C-alpha atoms as a PDB file:
ATOM      1  CA  MET A   1      97.431 137.695 106.866  1.00  0.00           C
ATOM      2  CA  LEU A   2     100.385 137.224 104.509  1.00  0.00           C
ATOM      3  CA  ILE A   3     100.216 135.642 101.023  1.00  0.00           C
ATOM      4  CA  GLU A   4     103.546 134.561  99.507  1.00  0.00           C
ATOM      5  CA  SER A   5     104.070 132.962  96.079  1.00  0.00           C
ATOM      6  CA  LEU A   6     105.362 129.368  96.019  1.00  0.00           C
ATOM      7  CA  SER A   7     106.439 129.100  92.385  1.00  0.00           C
ATOM      8  CA  PRO A   8     106.471 131.099  89.125  1.00  0.00           C
ATOM      9  CA  MET A   9     103.811 128.766  87.706  1.00  0.00           C
ATOM     10  CA  LEU A  10     101.192 128.826  90.475  1.00  0.00           C
ATOM     11  CA  GLY A  11     100.594 128.438  94.196  1.00  0.00           C
ATOM     12  CA  ALA A  12     100.880 130.672  97.261  1.00  0.00           C
ATOM     13  CA  GLU A  13     101.155 130.076 101.006  1.00  0.00           C
ATOM     14  CA  VAL A  14      98.832 131.940 103.358  1.00  0.00           C
ATOM     15  CA  THR A  15      99.948 132.585 106.948  1.00  0.00           C
ATOM     16  CA  GLY A  16      98.411 134.459 109.863  1.00  0.00           C
ATOM     17  CA  LEU A  17      94.898 133.108 109.371  1.00  0.00           C
ATOM     18  CA  ASP A  18      92.946 130.688 111.592  1.00  0.00           C
ATOM     19  CA  LEU A  19      90.700 128.655 109.274  1.00  0.00           C
ATOM     20  CA  ALA A  20      88.463 127.541 112.152  1.00  0.00           C
ATOM     21  CA  GLU A  21      87.462 131.141 112.948  1.00  0.00           C
ATOM     22  CA  PRO A  22      84.901 133.257 111.039  1.00  0.00           C
ATOM     23  CA  LEU A  23      86.459 135.292 108.232  1.00  0.00           C
ATOM     24  CA  SER A  24      85.751 138.967 107.611  1.00  0.00           C
ATOM     25  CA  HIS A  25      84.345 140.145 104.283  1.00  0.00           C
ATOM     26  CA  ASP A  26      87.682 141.806 103.453  1.00  0.00           C
ATOM     27  CA  THR A  27      89.602 138.609 104.198  1.00  0.00           C
ATOM     28  CA  VAL A  28      87.308 136.556 101.965  1.00  0.00           C
ATOM     29  CA  GLN A  29      87.711 139.108  99.161  1.00  0.00           C
ATOM     30  CA  ALA A  30      91.493 139.009  99.543  1.00  0.00           C
ATOM     31  CA  LEU A  31      91.513 135.192  99.340  1.00  0.00           C
ATOM     32  CA  GLU A  32      89.237 135.268  96.283  1.00  0.00           C
ATOM     33  CA  ALA A  33      91.653 137.691  94.584  1.00  0.00           C
ATOM     34  CA  ALA A  34      94.607 135.486  95.548  1.00  0.00           C
ATOM     35  CA  MET A  35      92.885 132.488  93.964  1.00  0.00           C
ATOM     36  CA  CYS A  36      92.673 134.410  90.673  1.00  0.00           C
ATOM     37  CA  ASP A  37      96.376 135.256  90.898  1.00  0.00           C
ATOM     38  CA  HIS A  38      97.806 131.985  92.238  1.00  0.00           C
ATOM     39  CA  LYS A  39      95.109 129.301  91.650  1.00  0.00           C
ATOM     40  CA  VAL A  40      96.259 127.272  94.700  1.00  0.00           C
ATOM     41  CA  LEU A  41      96.426 128.499  98.305  1.00  0.00           C
ATOM     42  CA  LEU A  42      98.241 126.531 101.031  1.00  0.00           C
ATOM     43  CA  PHE A  43      97.520 126.836 104.757  1.00  0.00           C
ATOM     44  CA  ARG A  44      99.882 124.821 106.984  1.00  0.00           C
ATOM     45  CA  GLY A  45      99.609 123.201 110.390  1.00  0.00           C
ATOM     46  CA  GLN A  46      95.953 123.545 111.353  1.00  0.00           C
ATOM     47  CA  GLN A  47      93.833 120.694 112.701  1.00  0.00           C
ATOM     48  CA  LEU A  48      90.321 120.982 111.278  1.00  0.00           C
ATOM     49  CA  SER A  49      87.196 118.937 111.913  1.00  0.00           C
ATOM     50  CA  ALA A  50      84.786 118.178 109.064  1.00  0.00           C
ATOM     51  CA  ALA A  51      82.429 120.841 110.413  1.00  0.00           C
ATOM     52  CA  ALA A  52      85.225 123.440 110.564  1.00  0.00           C
ATOM     53  CA  LEU A  53      86.293 122.626 107.002  1.00  0.00           C
ATOM     54  CA  ALA A  54      82.708 123.047 105.811  1.00  0.00           C
ATOM     55  CA  ARG A  55      82.370 126.374 107.622  1.00  0.00           C
ATOM     56  CA  PHE A  56      85.580 127.630 106.010  1.00  0.00           C
ATOM     57  CA  GLY A  57      84.398 126.566 102.556  1.00  0.00           C
ATOM     58  CA  GLY A  58      81.024 128.210 103.123  1.00  0.00           C
ATOM     59  CA  HIS A  59      82.653 131.633 103.132  1.00  0.00           C
ATOM     60  CA  PHE A  60      83.167 131.268  99.371  1.00  0.00           C
ATOM     61  CA  GLY A  61      79.701 130.041  98.368  1.00  0.00           C
ATOM     62  CA  ASP A  62      77.305 127.148  98.708  1.00  0.00           C
ATOM     63  CA  LEU A  63      78.934 123.775  99.206  1.00  0.00           C
ATOM     64  CA  GLN A  64      78.431 121.092  96.568  1.00  0.00           C
ATOM     65  CA  ALA A  65      77.800 117.486  97.591  1.00  0.00           C
ATOM     66  CA  HIS A  66      79.890 114.924  95.717  1.00  0.00           C
ATOM     67  CA  VAL A  67      78.313 112.134  93.696  1.00  0.00           C
ATOM     68  CA  GLN A  68      80.493 109.607  95.600  1.00  0.00           C
ATOM     69  CA  LYS A  69      78.024 108.844  98.393  1.00  0.00           C
ATOM     70  CA  ARG A  70      80.068 105.888  99.663  1.00  0.00           C
ATOM     71  CA  TYR A  71      82.708 108.294 100.994  1.00  0.00           C
ATOM     72  CA  GLN A  72      80.321 110.932 102.358  1.00  0.00           C
ATOM     73  CA  HIS A  73      81.016 112.104 105.906  1.00  0.00           C
ATOM     74  CA  ALA A  74      78.293 110.754 108.214  1.00  0.00           C
ATOM     75  CA  GLU A  75      77.796 113.997 110.147  1.00  0.00           C
ATOM     76  CA  VAL A  76      78.687 116.634 107.530  1.00  0.00           C
ATOM     77  CA  PRO A  77      77.268 115.525 104.159  1.00  0.00           C
ATOM     78  CA  GLU A  78      79.009 118.361 102.266  1.00  0.00           C
ATOM     79  CA  VAL A  79      82.333 116.756 103.229  1.00  0.00           C
ATOM     80  CA  VAL A  80      83.741 113.519 101.809  1.00  0.00           C
ATOM     81  CA  TRP A  81      86.602 111.283 102.877  1.00  0.00           C
ATOM     82  CA  MET A  82      89.484 110.945 100.437  1.00  0.00           C
ATOM     83  CA  THR A  83      91.051 107.717 101.643  1.00  0.00           C
ATOM     84  CA  ASN A  84      92.941 104.648 100.474  1.00  0.00           C
ATOM     85  CA  ARG A  85      91.639 102.480 103.357  1.00  0.00           C
ATOM     86  CA  LYS A  86      88.501 100.375 103.612  1.00  0.00           C
ATOM     87  CA  PRO A  87      86.694 100.208 106.989  1.00  0.00           C
ATOM     88  CA  ASP A  88      88.600  96.998 107.790  1.00  0.00           C
ATOM     89  CA  GLY A  89      91.939  98.773 107.193  1.00  0.00           C
ATOM     90  CA  SER A  90      92.778  97.037 103.910  1.00  0.00           C
ATOM     91  CA  PHE A  91      93.781  98.961 100.773  1.00  0.00           C
ATOM     92  CA  ASP A  92      90.871 100.582  98.914  1.00  0.00           C
ATOM     93  CA  ASP A  93      91.677 100.516  95.199  1.00  0.00           C
ATOM     94  CA  VAL A  94      88.592 102.555  94.335  1.00  0.00           C
ATOM     95  CA  GLY A  95      89.276 105.166  96.990  1.00  0.00           C
ATOM     96  CA  ALA A  96      92.937 105.451  96.035  1.00  0.00           C
ATOM     97  CA  ALA A  97      92.073 105.948  92.358  1.00  0.00           C
ATOM     98  CA  ARG A  98      89.841 108.965  93.029  1.00  0.00           C
ATOM     99  CA  GLY A  99      91.757 111.773  91.372  1.00  0.00           C
ATOM    100  CA  SER A 100      95.136 110.022  91.484  1.00  0.00           C
ATOM    101  CA  ALA A 101      97.362 108.194  89.023  1.00  0.00           C
ATOM    102  CA  LYS A 102     100.722 106.433  88.827  1.00  0.00           C
ATOM    103  CA  ARG A 103     101.512 108.760  85.894  1.00  0.00           C
ATOM    104  CA  THR A 104     100.247 112.319  86.216  1.00  0.00           C
ATOM    105  CA  ARG A 105      99.875 112.265  82.416  1.00  0.00           C
ATOM    106  CA  ASP A 106      96.793 110.069  83.011  1.00  0.00           C
ATOM    107  CA  GLY A 107      95.432 111.868  86.063  1.00  0.00           C
ATOM    108  CA  TRP A 108      95.062 115.564  85.227  1.00  0.00           C
ATOM    109  CA  HIS A 109      91.549 116.857  85.799  1.00  0.00           C
ATOM    110  CA  SER A 110      89.399 119.663  87.147  1.00  0.00           C
ATOM    111  CA  ASP A 111      86.974 118.668  89.920  1.00  0.00           C
ATOM    112  CA  MET A 112      83.342 117.966  89.094  1.00  0.00           C
ATOM    113  CA  ALA A 113      83.939 118.503  85.358  1.00  0.00           C
ATOM    114  CA  PHE A 114      81.473 115.662  84.774  1.00  0.00           C
ATOM    115  CA  ASP A 115      78.746 117.914  86.239  1.00  0.00           C
ATOM    116  CA  PRO A 116      77.022 120.602  84.126  1.00  0.00           C
ATOM    117  CA  VAL A 117      77.829 122.957  87.042  1.00  0.00           C
ATOM    118  CA  PRO A 118      81.415 122.097  88.122  1.00  0.00           C
ATOM    119  CA  ALA A 119      82.972 123.121  91.413  1.00  0.00           C
ATOM    120  CA  LYS A 120      84.344 126.612  92.018  1.00  0.00           C
ATOM    121  CA  PHE A 121      86.936 125.695  94.666  1.00  0.00           C
ATOM    122  CA  THR A 122      88.081 122.403  96.196  1.00  0.00           C
ATOM    123  CA  ILE A 123      89.402 122.375  99.767  1.00  0.00           C
ATOM    124  CA  LEU A 124      91.471 119.394 100.953  1.00  0.00           C
ATOM    125  CA  HIS A 125      92.686 118.859 104.529  1.00  0.00           C
ATOM    126  CA  ALA A 126      95.362 116.265 105.393  1.00  0.00           C
ATOM    127  CA  LEU A 127      94.763 113.803 108.257  1.00  0.00           C
ATOM    128  CA  ASP A 128      97.096 110.861 107.449  1.00  0.00           C
ATOM    129  CA  ILE A 129     100.159 111.107 105.201  1.00  0.00           C
ATOM    130  CA  PRO A 130     102.326 108.172 104.022  1.00  0.00           C
ATOM    131  CA  SER A 131     106.046 108.133 104.779  1.00  0.00           C
ATOM    132  CA  TYR A 132     106.802 109.038 101.171  1.00  0.00           C
ATOM    133  CA  GLY A 133     104.922 109.797  97.957  1.00  0.00           C
ATOM    134  CA  GLY A 134     101.306 110.821  97.540  1.00  0.00           C
ATOM    135  CA  ASN A 135     102.017 114.408  96.493  1.00  0.00           C
ATOM    136  CA  THR A 136      99.306 116.427  94.769  1.00  0.00           C
ATOM    137  CA  CYS A 137     100.425 117.976  91.484  1.00  0.00           C
ATOM    138  CA  PHE A 138      99.005 121.077  89.818  1.00  0.00           C
ATOM    139  CA  ALA A 139      99.275 122.305  86.219  1.00  0.00           C
ATOM    140  CA  ASN A 140      98.544 125.865  85.101  1.00  0.00           C
ATOM    141  CA  ALA A 141      96.056 125.398  82.248  1.00  0.00           C
ATOM    142  CA  GLU A 142      96.194 129.083  81.326  1.00  0.00           C
ATOM    143  CA  MET A 143      99.912 128.618  80.644  1.00  0.00           C
ATOM    144  CA  VAL A 144      99.142 125.456  78.669  1.00  0.00           C
ATOM    145  CA  TYR A 145      96.896 127.448  76.343  1.00  0.00           C
ATOM    146  CA  ARG A 146      99.436 130.302  76.002  1.00  0.00           C
ATOM    147  CA  LEU A 147     102.245 127.884  75.111  1.00  0.00           C
ATOM    148  CA  LEU A 148     100.336 126.028  72.393  1.00  0.00           C
ATOM    149  CA  ASP A 149     101.075 126.758  68.753  1.00  0.00           C
ATOM    150  CA  PRO A 150      98.923 129.765  67.684  1.00  0.00           C
ATOM    151  CA  GLU A 151      97.282 127.731  64.928  1.00  0.00           C
ATOM    152  CA  LEU A 152      96.237 125.085  67.471  1.00  0.00           C
ATOM    153  CA  GLN A 153      94.991 127.800  69.821  1.00  0.00           C
ATOM    154  CA  ASP A 154      92.733 129.104  67.065  1.00  0.00           C
ATOM    155  CA  ARG A 155      91.556 125.586  66.210  1.00  0.00           C
ATOM    156  CA  LEU A 156      90.503 124.845  69.783  1.00  0.00           C
ATOM    157  CA  VAL A 157      88.503 128.010  70.431  1.00  0.00           C
ATOM    158  CA  GLY A 158      84.808 127.263  69.994  1.00  0.00           C
ATOM    159  CA  LEU A 159      85.130 123.473  70.248  1.00  0.00           C
ATOM    160  CA  ARG A 160      83.155 121.565  72.880  1.00  0.00           C
ATOM    161  CA  ALA A 161      83.962 118.286  74.611  1.00  0.00           C
ATOM    162  CA  ASN A 162      82.154 115.481  76.446  1.00  0.00           C
ATOM    163  CA  PHE A 163      83.054 114.755  80.083  1.00  0.00           C
ATOM    164  CA  ALA A 164      82.051 111.782  82.238  1.00  0.00           C
ATOM    165  CA  TYR A 165      82.643 109.993  85.524  1.00  0.00           C
ATOM    166  CA  GLY A 166      82.372 106.318  84.716  1.00  0.00           C
ATOM    167  CA  GLY A 167      79.845 105.337  82.059  1.00  0.00           C
ATOM    168  CA  GLN A 168      81.135 106.956  78.870  1.00  0.00           C
ATOM    169  CA  SER A 169      84.646 107.560  80.214  1.00  0.00           C
ATOM    170  CA  THR A 170      87.597 106.181  78.253  1.00  0.00           C
ATOM    171  CA  ASN A 171      90.054 106.532  81.165  1.00  0.00           C
ATOM    172  CA  ASP A 172      90.681 103.298  83.108  1.00  0.00           C
ATOM    173  CA  LEU A 173      91.414 105.089  86.405  1.00  0.00           C
ATOM    174  CA  ASN A 174      88.242 107.127  86.049  1.00  0.00           C
ATOM    175  CA  GLN A 175      86.279 103.908  85.470  1.00  0.00           C
ATOM    176  CA  LEU A 176      87.827 102.307  88.559  1.00  0.00           C
ATOM    177  CA  ALA A 177      87.090 105.322  90.770  1.00  0.00           C
ATOM    178  CA  ALA A 178      83.504 105.360  89.518  1.00  0.00           C
ATOM    179  CA  ASN A 179      82.932 101.760  90.638  1.00  0.00           C
ATOM    180  CA  ALA A 180      81.494 103.129  93.885  1.00  0.00           C
ATOM    181  CA  LEU A 181      78.672 104.850  91.959  1.00  0.00           C
ATOM    182  CA  SER A 182      75.245 103.438  91.252  1.00  0.00           C
ATOM    183  CA  ASP A 183      74.320 102.964  87.598  1.00  0.00           C
ATOM    184  CA  THR A 184      71.946 105.912  87.948  1.00  0.00           C
ATOM    185  CA  ASP A 185      74.696 108.199  89.262  1.00  0.00           C
ATOM    186  CA  LYS A 186      77.084 107.072  86.519  1.00  0.00           C
ATOM    187  CA  ALA A 187      74.495 107.869  83.860  1.00  0.00           C
ATOM    188  CA  ALA A 188      73.878 111.298  85.403  1.00  0.00           C
ATOM    189  CA  SER A 189      77.587 112.167  85.702  1.00  0.00           C
ATOM    190  CA  VAL A 190      78.064 113.474  82.163  1.00  0.00           C
ATOM    191  CA  ALA A 191      78.446 117.012  80.853  1.00  0.00           C
ATOM    192  CA  VAL A 192      79.533 119.090  77.857  1.00  0.00           C
ATOM    193  CA  HIS A 193      81.979 121.984  78.308  1.00  0.00           C
ATOM    194  CA  PRO A 194      84.141 124.209  76.066  1.00  0.00           C
ATOM    195  CA  VAL A 195      87.633 123.010  75.204  1.00  0.00           C
ATOM    196  CA  VAL A 196      88.958 126.529  75.891  1.00  0.00           C
ATOM    197  CA  SER A 197      87.338 128.218  78.878  1.00  0.00           C
ATOM    198  CA  ALA A 198      87.312 131.808  80.095  1.00  0.00           C
ATOM    199  CA  HIS A 199      87.850 132.499  83.792  1.00  0.00           C
ATOM    200  CA  PRO A 200      84.644 134.087  85.149  1.00  0.00           C
ATOM    201  CA  ASP A 201      86.504 136.861  86.991  1.00  0.00           C
ATOM    202  CA  THR A 202      89.469 137.590  84.714  1.00  0.00           C
ATOM    203  CA  GLY A 203      88.306 136.363  81.295  1.00  0.00           C
ATOM    204  CA  THR A 204      91.683 134.629  80.826  1.00  0.00           C
ATOM    205  CA  PRO A 205      91.583 131.658  78.408  1.00  0.00           C
ATOM    206  CA  ALA A 206      92.623 128.213  79.611  1.00  0.00           C
ATOM    207  CA  ILE A 207      92.538 124.623  78.434  1.00  0.00           C
ATOM    208  CA  TYR A 208      89.633 122.820  80.093  1.00  0.00           C
ATOM    209  CA  ILE A 209      89.903 119.305  78.618  1.00  0.00           C
ATOM    210  CA  SER A 210      91.757 116.692  80.676  1.00  0.00           C
ATOM    211  CA  PRO A 211      92.860 113.056  80.338  1.00  0.00           C
ATOM    212  CA  TYR A 212      90.926 111.915  83.434  1.00  0.00           C
ATOM    213  CA  THR A 213      87.390 113.063  82.578  1.00  0.00           C
ATOM    214  CA  THR A 214      87.259 114.155  78.917  1.00  0.00           C
ATOM    215  CA  CYS A 215      85.777 111.446  76.663  1.00  0.00           C
ATOM    216  CA  ALA A 216      85.686 113.111  73.260  1.00  0.00           C
ATOM    217  CA  ILE A 217      85.848 116.401  71.407  1.00  0.00           C
ATOM    218  CA  ARG A 218      82.624 116.895  69.509  1.00  0.00           C
ATOM    219  CA  ASN A 219      82.474 116.924  65.710  1.00  0.00           C
ATOM    220  CA  LEU A 220      86.098 115.886  65.183  1.00  0.00           C
ATOM    221  CA  SER A 221      87.516 112.796  63.565  1.00  0.00           C
ATOM    222  CA  GLN A 222      89.230 110.341  65.889  1.00  0.00           C
ATOM    223  CA  GLY A 223      92.589 111.147  64.319  1.00  0.00           C
ATOM    224  CA  GLU A 224      92.264 114.902  64.827  1.00  0.00           C
ATOM    225  CA  GLU A 225      90.937 114.395  68.347  1.00  0.00           C
ATOM    226  CA  GLU A 226      93.863 112.167  69.316  1.00  0.00           C
ATOM    227  CA  SER A 227      96.350 114.641  67.818  1.00  0.00           C
ATOM    228  CA  ILE A 228      94.865 117.426  69.958  1.00  0.00           C
ATOM    229  CA  PHE A 229      94.842 115.277  73.093  1.00  0.00           C
ATOM    230  CA  ASP A 230      98.505 114.339  72.584  1.00  0.00           C
ATOM    231  CA  ALA A 231      99.661 117.924  72.054  1.00  0.00           C
ATOM    232  CA  VAL A 232      97.666 119.379  74.940  1.00  0.00           C
ATOM    233  CA  TYR A 233      98.284 116.644  77.509  1.00  0.00           C
ATOM    234  CA  GLU A 234     102.026 116.404  76.868  1.00  0.00           C
ATOM    235  CA  LEU A 235     102.340 120.139  77.513  1.00  0.00           C
ATOM    236  CA  MET A 236     100.032 119.888  80.538  1.00  0.00           C
ATOM    237  CA  ASP A 237     102.308 117.211  82.004  1.00  0.00           C
ATOM    238  CA  SER A 238     105.543 119.156  81.428  1.00  0.00           C
ATOM    239  CA  THR A 239     107.490 120.771  84.269  1.00  0.00           C
ATOM    240  CA  THR A 240     107.120 124.105  82.462  1.00  0.00           C
ATOM    241  CA  VAL A 241     103.565 124.593  83.763  1.00  0.00           C
ATOM    242  CA  ARG A 242     103.385 122.565  86.987  1.00  0.00           C
ATOM    243  CA  TRP A 243     104.039 122.627  90.715  1.00  0.00           C
ATOM    244  CA  GLU A 244     103.407 119.929  93.304  1.00  0.00           C
ATOM    245  CA  HIS A 245     102.803 119.889  97.026  1.00  0.00           C
ATOM    246  CA  GLN A 246     104.434 117.475  99.467  1.00  0.00           C
ATOM    247  CA  TRP A 247     101.863 117.017 102.212  1.00  0.00           C
ATOM    248  CA  SER A 248     102.223 117.245 105.985  1.00  0.00           C
ATOM    249  CA  VAL A 249      99.497 116.416 108.491  1.00  0.00           C
ATOM    250  CA  GLY A 250      97.431 119.554 109.110  1.00  0.00           C
ATOM    251  CA  ASP A 251      98.004 121.071 105.671  1.00  0.00           C
ATOM    252  CA  THR A 252      94.945 122.514 103.938  1.00  0.00           C
ATOM    253  CA  ILE A 253      94.915 123.412 100.245  1.00  0.00           C
ATOM    254  CA  MET A 254      92.255 125.309  98.317  1.00  0.00           C
ATOM    255  CA  TRP A 255      92.378 125.274  94.538  1.00  0.00           C
ATOM    256  CA  GLU A 256      90.549 126.579  91.470  1.00  0.00           C
ATOM    257  CA  ASN A 257      88.262 124.521  89.250  1.00  0.00           C
ATOM    258  CA  ARG A 258      86.474 127.196  87.204  1.00  0.00           C
ATOM    259  CA  SER A 259      89.307 127.275  84.658  1.00  0.00           C
ATOM    260  CA  GLY A 260      93.034 127.724  84.613  1.00  0.00           C
ATOM    261  CA  LEU A 261      94.066 124.752  86.734  1.00  0.00           C
ATOM    262  CA  MET A 262      94.386 120.974  86.556  1.00  0.00           C
ATOM    263  CA  HIS A 263      95.529 118.637  89.319  1.00  0.00           C
ATOM    264  CA  SER A 264      96.395 114.992  89.998  1.00  0.00           C
ATOM    265  CA  GLY A 265      97.388 113.004  93.048  1.00  0.00           C
ATOM    266  CA  ARG A 266     100.288 110.557  92.866  1.00  0.00           C
ATOM    267  CA  LEU A 267      99.776 106.799  93.395  1.00  0.00           C
ATOM    268  CA  ASP A 268     103.413 106.249  94.393  1.00  0.00           C
ATOM    269  CA  TYR A 269     103.186 105.655  98.149  1.00  0.00           C
ATOM    270  CA  PRO A 270     103.321 102.395 100.191  1.00  0.00           C
ATOM    271  CA  ARG A 271     100.034 100.485  99.945  1.00  0.00           C
ATOM    272  CA  ASP A 272     100.199  99.535 103.631  1.00  0.00           C
ATOM    273  CA  GLU A 273     100.196 103.178 104.780  1.00  0.00           C
ATOM    274  CA  ALA A 274      97.146 105.410 105.123  1.00  0.00           C
ATOM    275  CA  ARG A 275      96.580 108.500 103.000  1.00  0.00           C
ATOM    276  CA  THR A 276      93.482 110.242 104.354  1.00  0.00           C
ATOM    277  CA  PHE A 277      91.957 113.665 103.757  1.00  0.00           C
ATOM    278  CA  LEU A 278      88.742 115.565 104.359  1.00  0.00           C
ATOM    279  CA  ARG A 279      87.445 117.331 101.268  1.00  0.00           C
ATOM    280  CA  THR A 280      84.701 119.785 100.439  1.00  0.00           C
ATOM    281  CA  THR A 281      83.858 121.676  97.260  1.00  0.00           C
ATOM    282  CA  VAL A 282      82.299 125.085  96.701  1.00  0.00           C
ATOM    283  CA  ARG A 283      79.625 125.167  94.006  1.00  0.00           C
ATOM    284  CA  GLY A 284      80.549 127.062  90.860  1.00  0.00           C
ATOM    285  CA  ALA A 285      78.694 127.937  87.657  1.00  0.00           C
ATOM    286  CA  PRO A 286      78.582 126.605  84.085  1.00  0.00           C
ATOM    287  CA  ILE A 287      81.993 126.879  82.406  1.00  0.00           C
ATOM    288  CA  ALA A 288      82.174 129.878  80.072  1.00  0.00           C
ATOM    289  CA  ALA A 289      83.635 129.486  76.605  1.00  0.00           C
ATOM    290  CA  TYR A 290      86.491 131.751  75.551  1.00  0.00           C
ATOM    291  CA  SER A 291      86.015 133.934  72.479  1.00  0.00           C
ATOM    292  CA  ALA A 292      89.151 135.314  70.904  1.00  0.00           C
ATOM    293  CA  PRO A 293      89.333 139.113  70.496  1.00  0.00           C
ATOM    294  CA  GLY A 294      87.530 140.141  67.341  1.00  0.00           C
ATOM    295  CA  ASP A 295      85.209 137.120  67.301  1.00  0.00           C
ATOM    296  CA  SER A 296      81.536 137.960  67.096  1.00  0.00           C
END
């Protein structure tokens, strides 16, 4: 197995590994360490069934069913379809809006942040790719925190924010994607997390708020909240902290959600062409808040 960096910001390509075969303990440990270092791992050119994708994900922990039951795989419930097509072949606006945006500035998010126990890893496997567009973009949220003004860094530590999928959400794309949820699931898809998180393995601080799922920062005025959102999201959307992947059929990507990474798909492909993936998520743990050195 070989792991090679893809950019100075994040991402690495893994070769010499068959994802459909059982992984040794040492291999799993090496991939876990690579996730801490690179946050995104790319495996090219492997055709995986839903069952094989679930088995691969199971090496890293229990799999976490998604609240979007409409897109659940019929035979492997831990896997969901990420697709822009309805069963009749027409364009699915709701499906296309799940985690994607015309402007990445509106789409950055960490998966399952609307759950009190967000995902650890997301694994996405490409089945159909449009002739152009539809890249998935990633932003290093640890770098975002490091590049903020020190006074703003200090202001954000200790703050907590509200997250939602539909319901309380203020993001139009989030609301559209949540249209497939029942009212009960919308009401249940809310959570509170720290604005600045600490990675569970490294302790590294990272920005955890995002334009796609964060509704509000608690105990702040609207003016101060908007000022923080503007500063953080503009930096998150800058080329300084981001890398994006141009998909090919058979690509599989695994990425972090515990802290340190945001992602967004691009809604810039032809509407008459299919963009279809299989996806599974590995269950994580509650997001830990970062405490600056010297804080009690």
